[in-house]
Amino acid sequence: MDKVTNTLARHAAELQALRTRIDQTYTTLYALLRKTAGISLAESATPTHSLVESAQVDLYLKDDKLVLRFDDAGTTRYKYLDLSGTGVTWVHTTSEP
């Protein structure tokens, strides 16, 4: 029994050390991302997956437009900003831009 107990204790200590290293790595990566992160979007087609109603949004780039797609109680709404030119107005539509 002592051998089993010692083996379990050793594995528990190794697991705790691994958890500590994961936490430290996460903290380091989070700090680095906060300091230097940017989001880069490649142009894409409209996502085809379903959205969770009132709990999820898609953000994508299409035809020089930054598009938000949102399911508002069963109605899919799109809000987009045309990135070409100097316009600064967001447009709302229920049709895909």
Protein backbone atom coordinates (compact mmCIF):
# COMPACT_ATOMS: atom_id res chain seq x y z
CA MET A 1 0.00 0.00 0.00
CA ASP A 2 2.83 2.40 0.74
CA LYS A 3 4.10 2.04 -2.83
CA VAL A 4 0.66 2.91 -4.24
CA THR A 5 0.27 5.83 -1.84
CA ASN A 6 3.72 7.15 -2.72
CA THR A 7 3.01 6.81 -6.45
CA LEU A 8 -0.31 8.67 -6.10
CA ALA A 9 1.33 11.40 -4.04
CA ARG A 10 4.11 11.77 -6.63
CA HIS A 11 1.56 12.00 -9.47
CA ALA A 12 -0.50 14.54 -7.53
CA ALA A 13 2.60 16.69 -7.02
CA GLU A 14 3.49 16.41 -10.73
CA LEU A 15 -0.07 17.38 -11.68
CA GLN A 16 0.04 20.41 -9.39
CA ALA A 17 3.38 21.48 -10.88
CA LEU A 18 1.91 21.14 -14.37
CA ARG A 19 -1.13 23.23 -13.36
CA THR A 20 1.20 25.91 -12.01
CA ARG A 21 3.20 25.97 -15.28
CA ILE A 22 -0.04 26.20 -17.31
CA ASP A 23 -1.28 29.09 -15.15
CA GLN A 24 2.04 30.89 -15.52
CA THR A 25 2.03 30.37 -19.29
CA TYR A 26 -1.55 31.62 -19.56
CA THR A 27 -0.73 34.71 -17.49
CA THR A 28 2.32 35.45 -19.65
CA LEU A 29 0.40 34.99 -22.90
CA TYR A 30 -2.52 37.09 -21.67
CA ALA A 31 -0.20 39.93 -20.70
CA LEU A 32 1.59 39.72 -24.04
CA LEU A 33 -1.68 39.73 -25.98
CA ARG A 34 -3.05 42.67 -24.01
CA LYS A 35 0.07 44.62 -24.79
CA THR A 36 0.54 43.73 -28.47
CA ALA A 37 -2.56 42.03 -29.80
CA GLY A 38 -4.49 43.07 -32.83
CA ILE A 39 -7.11 41.22 -34.77
CA SER A 40 -6.54 40.61 -38.44
CA LEU A 41 -9.53 39.58 -40.56
CA ALA A 42 -9.27 38.12 -44.03
CA GLU A 43 -12.17 38.72 -46.39
CA SER A 44 -14.64 35.85 -46.27
CA ALA A 45 -18.10 34.76 -47.25
CA THR A 46 -21.00 35.14 -44.85
CA PRO A 47 -20.77 32.46 -42.16
CA THR A 48 -23.34 29.72 -42.67
CA HIS A 49 -23.58 28.35 -39.13
CA SER A 50 -26.52 29.17 -36.91
CA LEU A 51 -26.11 31.79 -34.21
CA VAL A 52 -27.19 31.29 -30.63
CA GLU A 53 -30.18 33.61 -30.27
CA SER A 54 -29.27 36.89 -28.56
CA ALA A 55 -26.04 35.36 -27.23
CA GLN A 56 -23.58 35.25 -30.11
CA VAL A 57 -22.29 37.53 -32.87
CA ASP A 58 -20.24 36.95 -36.02
CA LEU A 59 -17.67 39.54 -37.06
CA TYR A 60 -16.27 39.26 -40.57
CA LEU A 61 -14.96 41.23 -43.54
CA LYS A 62 -16.82 41.04 -46.85
CA ASP A 63 -16.68 43.32 -49.92
CA ASP A 64 -14.69 45.99 -48.05
CA LYS A 65 -17.28 46.01 -45.26
CA LEU A 66 -16.79 45.15 -41.61
CA VAL A 67 -19.93 43.14 -40.83
CA LEU A 68 -21.62 42.13 -37.57
CA ARG A 69 -24.25 39.38 -37.83
CA PHE A 70 -26.60 38.88 -34.86
CA ASP A 71 -29.70 36.77 -34.20
CA ASP A 72 -32.16 39.12 -32.52
CA ALA A 73 -34.95 36.86 -31.21
CA GLY A 74 -35.13 34.96 -34.49
CA THR A 75 -34.40 37.87 -36.83
CA THR A 76 -30.91 37.90 -38.31
CA ARG A 77 -29.61 41.45 -38.26
CA TYR A 78 -26.55 42.79 -40.02
CA LYS A 79 -24.73 45.96 -39.09
CA TYR A 80 -21.87 46.98 -41.32
CA LEU A 81 -19.37 49.74 -41.89
CA ASP A 82 -18.00 50.36 -45.38
CA LEU A 83 -14.24 50.58 -44.93
CA SER A 84 -13.49 52.03 -48.36
CA GLY A 85 -13.79 55.79 -48.62
CA THR A 86 -14.33 58.21 -45.77
CA GLY A 87 -17.82 57.22 -44.56
CA VAL A 88 -18.30 56.60 -40.86
CA THR A 89 -21.94 55.48 -40.78
CA TRP A 90 -22.98 52.02 -39.67
CA VAL A 91 -25.80 50.55 -41.77
CA HIS A 92 -28.48 48.21 -40.41
CA THR A 93 -30.23 45.62 -42.57
CA THR A 94 -31.90 42.24 -42.26
CA SER A 95 -30.44 41.22 -45.63
CA GLU A 96 -26.87 40.08 -46.08
CA PRO A 97 -24.75 43.02 -47.25
